[in-house]
Amino acid sequence: MEISNKRVLITGGASGIGWALAERLLGAGCRVMICDFNERALDDKAKLELPDLAVRFCDVADRSQVETLAEDAWQQLGGIDLLFANAGVGVPLSPLLQQQDDHARWVFDVNFFGAWNTIQVFAPRMISQGTPCHFTVTGSENSICVPAPLLGAYNASKHAVLGLTETLELETPDFFGVSILCPALVATNIAESLTRIPEGYGGPVSVPAGAGGRGFTPGQVADSTLAGIQAGDFYIFSHHCNQAMIEARMNRQLAAIDKQTSPDDGSDAIDTAPMLGRLFEQLSNPEAG
């Protein structure tokens, strides 16, 4: 997928990785619409008065706002070729058994259902265009492993995003590219999202001293993202340090399978992958069935 001169939408686009992507895509001749629920950051970007940049407020956890965003995008840009479902929030650090229900619902409504809403609203429209396009979801190293404690709800939300994005890739046509971005530590302001937790989710929480400011720059991750899209990669990694963590988890899983099962246990006959794969083909092409 080429990235120059495309129509682009970036959720969570007013800062961090989202804004770094916007800058690079504007430089590649793209027309870019960003949305965010951080109104102050949006105002800063609107003041730049860039002719190829459109700025919109949107809380992706609200399906109706995402639908309005799609209407605006098609009206102003005429369609979307590259979409980055990048909006995400953090969660107050806390042991799992002490984490508040409200905070867990907040992080799932934004991180998971924000991606869900964006996929459900935008993907059918993009597919109906019938032209090459690409949909990238921002996951995390927390999508592929559990790198650290104190992030139970966040870890779970990012694992859910991985399953959602993998399913999207399985169920969409070849011209609809799909990627999941899995960065490790990035110097963004995600911790500040805690200061904007709505009252319905327990209200704002103060940001711990020293939070943020460490890690790769958003620009480094944006460069990795765009290179991965151009290469047609599903998984996009920006940090080599994740290799050891992935290997450790995979080796632990494979060792458990070797220990607990046998190749001749008869499970091949009820393997869900080919069974549901055939069912999906029948549902997708009823005339062929």
Protein backbone atom coordinates (compact mmCIF):
# COMPACT_ATOMS: atom_id res chain seq x y z
CA MET A 1 0.00 0.00 0.00
CA GLU A 2 1.46 3.32 -1.05
CA ILE A 3 0.93 6.21 1.34
CA SER A 4 1.35 9.30 -0.85
CA ASN A 5 -1.60 11.46 -1.93
CA LYS A 6 -4.13 9.46 0.08
CA ARG A 7 -7.26 10.39 2.04
CA VAL A 8 -6.51 9.73 5.69
CA LEU A 9 -8.37 9.58 8.99
CA ILE A 10 -6.53 9.31 12.31
CA THR A 11 -8.39 8.88 15.59
CA GLY A 12 -6.48 10.08 18.63
CA GLY A 13 -4.67 12.24 16.11
CA ALA A 14 -4.04 15.44 18.06
CA SER A 15 -0.92 14.26 19.88
CA GLY A 16 1.59 11.45 20.26
CA ILE A 17 1.78 8.74 17.61
CA GLY A 18 -1.37 10.02 15.92
CA TRP A 19 0.01 13.49 15.33
CA ALA A 20 3.40 12.12 14.22
CA LEU A 21 1.54 10.07 11.59
CA ALA A 22 -0.43 13.13 10.51
CA GLU A 23 2.73 15.19 10.05
CA ARG A 24 4.36 12.54 7.87
CA LEU A 25 1.26 11.92 5.79
CA LEU A 26 0.70 15.63 5.22
CA GLY A 27 4.30 15.76 4.03
CA ALA A 28 3.49 12.92 1.60
CA GLY A 29 0.76 14.94 -0.05
CA CYS A 30 -2.15 13.36 1.80
CA ARG A 31 -5.37 15.03 2.85
CA VAL A 32 -5.71 14.26 6.55
CA MET A 33 -8.57 14.42 9.02
CA ILE A 34 -7.69 13.97 12.68
CA CYS A 35 -10.09 13.53 15.55
CA ASP A 36 -9.57 13.47 19.28
CA PHE A 37 -11.44 13.97 22.53
CA ASN A 38 -8.68 16.23 23.91
CA GLU A 39 -10.16 19.59 22.92
CA ARG A 40 -7.12 21.61 23.98
CA ALA A 41 -4.81 19.55 21.78
CA LEU A 42 -7.28 19.81 18.89
CA ASP A 43 -7.39 23.59 19.25
CA ASP A 44 -3.60 23.70 19.00
CA LYS A 45 -3.68 21.76 15.74
CA ALA A 46 -6.54 23.83 14.32
CA LYS A 47 -4.48 26.98 14.87
CA LEU A 48 -1.88 25.64 12.43
CA GLU A 49 -4.40 26.37 9.63
CA LEU A 50 -2.95 23.73 7.31
CA PRO A 51 -5.02 23.50 4.11
CA ASP A 52 -4.88 19.69 3.91
CA LEU A 53 -5.68 19.14 7.60
CA ALA A 54 -9.21 18.83 8.99
CA VAL A 55 -9.76 18.75 12.75
CA ARG A 56 -12.76 17.15 14.45
CA PHE A 57 -13.82 16.39 18.02
CA CYS A 58 -14.86 12.78 18.52
CA ASP A 59 -15.18 10.43 21.47
CA VAL A 60 -14.73 7.07 19.73
CA ALA A 61 -16.45 5.31 22.64
CA ASP A 62 -19.69 6.95 21.43
CA ARG A 63 -20.95 5.13 18.31
CA SER A 64 -23.11 8.07 17.22
CA GLN A 65 -20.11 10.41 17.24
CA VAL A 66 -18.12 7.94 15.12
CA GLU A 67 -20.98 7.78 12.63
CA THR A 68 -21.03 11.58 12.42
CA LEU A 69 -17.27 11.52 11.92
CA ALA A 70 -17.68 9.14 8.97
CA GLU A 71 -20.27 11.40 7.38
CA ASP A 72 -17.88 14.35 7.75
CA ALA A 73 -14.97 12.36 6.32
CA TRP A 74 -16.87 11.27 3.22
CA GLN A 75 -18.33 14.72 2.73
CA GLN A 76 -15.00 16.53 3.06
CA LEU A 77 -12.53 13.98 1.69
CA GLY A 78 -14.77 11.91 -0.55
CA GLY A 79 -13.67 8.67 1.12
CA ILE A 80 -10.87 7.17 3.19
CA ASP A 81 -7.86 5.24 1.88
CA LEU A 82 -5.81 5.02 5.09
CA LEU A 83 -7.42 4.79 8.50
CA PHE A 84 -5.58 4.73 11.81
CA ALA A 85 -7.72 3.64 14.77
CA ASN A 86 -5.22 5.11 17.18
CA ALA A 87 -7.32 6.53 20.01
CA GLY A 88 -6.48 5.05 23.40
CA VAL A 89 -6.29 5.82 27.09
CA GLY A 90 -4.37 4.60 30.08
CA VAL A 91 -5.54 3.28 33.42
CA PRO A 92 -4.45 4.22 36.96
CA LEU A 93 -1.68 1.88 38.11
CA SER A 94 -3.09 -0.57 40.60
CA PRO A 95 -2.89 -4.28 41.48
CA LEU A 96 -5.58 -6.20 39.62
CA LEU A 97 -7.52 -7.14 42.75
CA GLN A 98 -7.68 -3.48 43.76
CA GLN A 99 -8.47 -1.99 40.34
CA GLN A 100 -11.75 -0.12 40.18
CA ASP A 101 -14.59 -1.37 37.98
CA ASP A 102 -15.19 2.16 36.66
CA HIS A 103 -11.62 2.44 35.43
CA ALA A 104 -11.79 -0.98 33.77
CA ARG A 105 -14.96 0.02 31.92
CA TRP A 106 -13.37 3.32 30.89
CA VAL A 107 -10.32 1.70 29.35
CA PHE A 108 -12.43 -0.95 27.58
CA ASP A 109 -14.95 1.55 26.25
CA VAL A 110 -12.20 3.67 24.69
CA ASN A 111 -9.48 1.15 23.79
CA PHE A 112 -11.65 -1.78 22.70
CA PHE A 113 -15.06 -0.35 21.85
CA GLY A 114 -13.43 2.72 20.32
CA ALA A 115 -11.66 0.41 17.86
CA TRP A 116 -14.83 -1.67 17.52
CA ASN A 117 -16.94 1.39 16.65
CA THR A 118 -14.36 2.67 14.19
CA ILE A 119 -14.18 -0.71 12.45
CA GLN A 120 -17.95 -1.21 12.35
CA VAL A 121 -18.62 2.28 10.95
CA PHE A 122 -15.67 2.82 8.61
CA ALA A 123 -14.63 -0.60 7.32
CA PRO A 124 -17.85 -1.30 5.33
CA ARG A 125 -17.63 2.13 3.73
CA MET A 126 -13.98 1.63 2.82
CA ILE A 127 -14.65 -1.82 1.36
CA SER A 128 -17.56 -0.49 -0.70
CA GLN A 129 -15.13 1.89 -2.43
CA GLY A 130 -13.64 -1.18 -4.10
CA THR A 131 -10.14 0.29 -4.21
CA PRO A 132 -6.95 -0.55 -2.26
CA CYS A 133 -7.12 0.79 1.28
CA HIS A 134 -5.58 0.05 4.65
CA PHE A 135 -6.88 -0.06 8.22
CA THR A 136 -4.37 0.13 11.08
CA VAL A 137 -5.31 -0.39 14.71
CA THR A 138 -2.99 0.79 17.46
CA GLY A 139 -2.49 -2.07 19.88
CA SER A 140 0.51 -2.30 22.18
CA GLU A 141 3.18 -4.62 23.46
CA ASN A 142 0.36 -5.22 25.96
CA SER A 143 -1.58 -6.83 23.07
CA ILE A 144 0.93 -9.64 22.61
CA CYS A 145 2.16 -10.23 26.17
CA VAL A 146 1.80 -8.93 29.71
CA PRO A 147 5.00 -6.95 30.10
CA ALA A 148 4.31 -5.67 33.61
CA PRO A 149 1.89 -5.86 36.54
CA LEU A 150 -0.42 -3.01 37.69
CA LEU A 151 -2.08 -2.71 34.27
CA GLY A 152 -4.68 -5.49 34.41
CA ALA A 153 -7.57 -3.75 32.63
CA TYR A 154 -5.24 -2.07 30.13
CA ASN A 155 -3.52 -5.39 29.33
CA ALA A 156 -6.90 -7.04 28.81
CA SER A 157 -8.20 -4.24 26.59
CA LYS A 158 -5.15 -4.40 24.34
CA HIS A 159 -5.34 -8.21 24.12
CA ALA A 160 -8.97 -7.79 23.03
CA VAL A 161 -7.89 -5.30 20.36
CA LEU A 162 -5.50 -7.91 18.95
CA GLY A 163 -8.25 -10.51 18.62
CA LEU A 164 -10.54 -7.97 17.00
CA THR A 165 -7.92 -6.88 14.46
CA GLU A 166 -6.87 -10.44 13.60
CA THR A 167 -10.53 -11.27 12.91
CA LEU A 168 -10.88 -8.17 10.72
CA GLU A 169 -7.95 -9.36 8.61
CA LEU A 170 -9.48 -12.82 8.19
CA GLU A 171 -12.87 -11.53 7.10
CA THR A 172 -12.05 -8.73 4.66
CA PRO A 173 -11.07 -8.78 0.97
CA ASP A 174 -7.46 -8.75 -0.18
CA PHE A 175 -7.55 -5.12 -1.28
CA PHE A 176 -8.45 -4.13 2.30
CA GLY A 177 -5.13 -4.23 4.15
CA VAL A 178 -5.08 -4.62 7.92
CA SER A 179 -2.30 -4.03 10.45
CA ILE A 180 -1.95 -3.87 14.20
CA LEU A 181 0.71 -1.59 15.64
CA CYS A 182 2.34 -3.00 18.78
CA PRO A 183 4.78 -0.45 20.22
CA ALA A 184 6.49 -0.74 23.58
CA LEU A 185 7.30 2.36 25.65
CA VAL A 186 6.70 5.61 23.74
CA ALA A 187 7.16 9.15 25.01
CA THR A 188 3.52 10.24 24.65
CA ASN A 189 1.03 11.98 26.93
CA ILE A 190 -1.23 8.94 27.38
CA ALA A 191 -0.88 9.26 31.16
CA GLU A 192 -2.63 12.62 30.94
CA SER A 193 -5.75 10.84 29.73
CA LEU A 194 -6.32 10.00 33.40
CA THR A 195 -7.05 13.68 34.03
CA ARG A 196 -9.95 13.49 31.55
CA ILE A 197 -11.75 10.41 32.86
CA PRO A 198 -15.48 11.29 32.70
CA GLU A 199 -17.48 11.42 35.90
CA GLY A 200 -19.46 8.40 34.74
CA TYR A 201 -16.25 6.37 34.99
CA GLY A 202 -15.17 7.68 38.37
CA GLY A 203 -13.90 11.12 37.37
CA PRO A 204 -10.41 12.50 36.78
CA VAL A 205 -7.34 11.03 38.47
CA SER A 206 -4.08 12.86 39.03
CA VAL A 207 -1.12 11.80 36.92
CA PRO A 208 1.69 10.12 38.92
CA ALA A 209 4.89 12.12 39.14
CA GLY A 210 7.35 11.17 36.42
CA ALA A 211 4.74 9.55 34.18
CA GLY A 212 5.42 9.88 30.46
CA GLY A 213 8.39 11.38 28.71
CA ARG A 214 10.34 8.13 28.35
CA GLY A 215 10.66 5.73 25.46
CA PHE A 216 10.91 6.00 21.69
CA THR A 217 9.66 9.21 20.15
CA PRO A 218 6.25 9.18 18.48
CA GLY A 219 8.07 9.96 15.24
CA GLN A 220 10.11 6.76 15.47
CA VAL A 221 6.94 4.72 15.91
CA ALA A 222 5.17 6.57 13.10
CA ASP A 223 8.06 5.76 10.77
CA SER A 224 7.84 2.07 11.70
CA THR A 225 4.08 2.14 11.17
CA LEU A 226 4.22 3.62 7.68
CA ALA A 227 7.04 1.29 6.64
CA GLY A 228 4.98 -1.69 7.84
CA ILE A 229 1.92 -0.54 5.90
CA GLN A 230 3.93 -0.10 2.72
CA ALA A 231 5.38 -3.59 3.19
CA GLY A 232 1.91 -5.10 3.73
CA ASP A 233 2.75 -6.34 7.24
CA PHE A 234 -0.04 -7.33 9.63
CA TYR A 235 2.06 -7.09 12.80
CA ILE A 236 4.00 -3.83 13.08
CA PHE A 237 6.64 -3.71 15.81
CA SER A 238 8.85 -0.76 16.65
CA HIS A 239 10.86 -2.13 19.60
CA HIS A 240 13.26 -5.08 19.24
CA CYS A 241 13.11 -5.66 23.00
CA ASN A 242 9.70 -7.33 22.52
CA GLN A 243 11.30 -10.34 20.83
CA ALA A 244 12.41 -11.99 24.08
CA MET A 245 9.00 -11.51 25.68
CA ILE A 246 7.18 -13.00 22.68
CA GLU A 247 9.55 -15.99 22.54
CA ALA A 248 9.11 -16.66 26.26
CA ARG A 249 5.31 -16.69 26.02
CA MET A 250 5.26 -18.81 22.85
CA ASN A 251 7.73 -21.33 24.25
CA ARG A 252 5.66 -21.63 27.42
CA GLN A 253 2.51 -22.31 25.38
CA LEU A 254 4.17 -24.84 23.08
CA ALA A 255 5.73 -26.63 26.05
CA ALA A 256 2.30 -26.92 27.68
CA ILE A 257 0.78 -28.39 24.50
CA ASP A 258 3.60 -30.93 24.20
CA LYS A 259 3.18 -31.91 27.85
CA GLN A 260 -0.61 -32.08 27.99
CA THR A 261 -1.68 -33.39 24.56
CA SER A 262 -0.58 -35.85 21.89
CA PRO A 263 -0.60 -35.60 18.07
CA ASP A 264 -2.88 -38.65 17.78
CA ASP A 265 -5.55 -37.51 20.27
CA GLY A 266 -8.13 -37.07 17.49
CA SER A 267 -8.46 -33.31 17.84
CA ASP A 268 -7.53 -32.70 14.17
CA ALA A 269 -11.04 -33.83 13.24
CA ILE A 270 -12.59 -31.04 15.28
CA ASP A 271 -10.06 -28.29 14.58
CA THR A 272 -12.11 -25.08 14.68
CA ALA A 273 -9.88 -23.17 12.23
CA PRO A 274 -10.81 -25.15 9.07
CA MET A 275 -14.37 -25.81 10.29
CA LEU A 276 -15.23 -22.16 10.86
CA GLY A 277 -13.17 -21.15 7.84
CA ARG A 278 -15.43 -23.22 5.60
CA LEU A 279 -18.53 -21.83 7.32
CA PHE A 280 -17.31 -18.28 6.76
CA GLU A 281 -16.80 -19.02 3.07
CA GLN A 282 -20.34 -20.39 2.81
CA LEU A 283 -21.81 -17.35 4.57
CA SER A 284 -19.76 -14.97 2.44
CA ASN A 285 -20.61 -16.73 -0.84
CA PRO A 286 -24.04 -18.34 -0.40
CA GLU A 287 -24.43 -18.93 -4.16
CA ALA A 288 -21.20 -20.97 -4.24
CA GLY A 289 -22.47 -23.17 -1.43
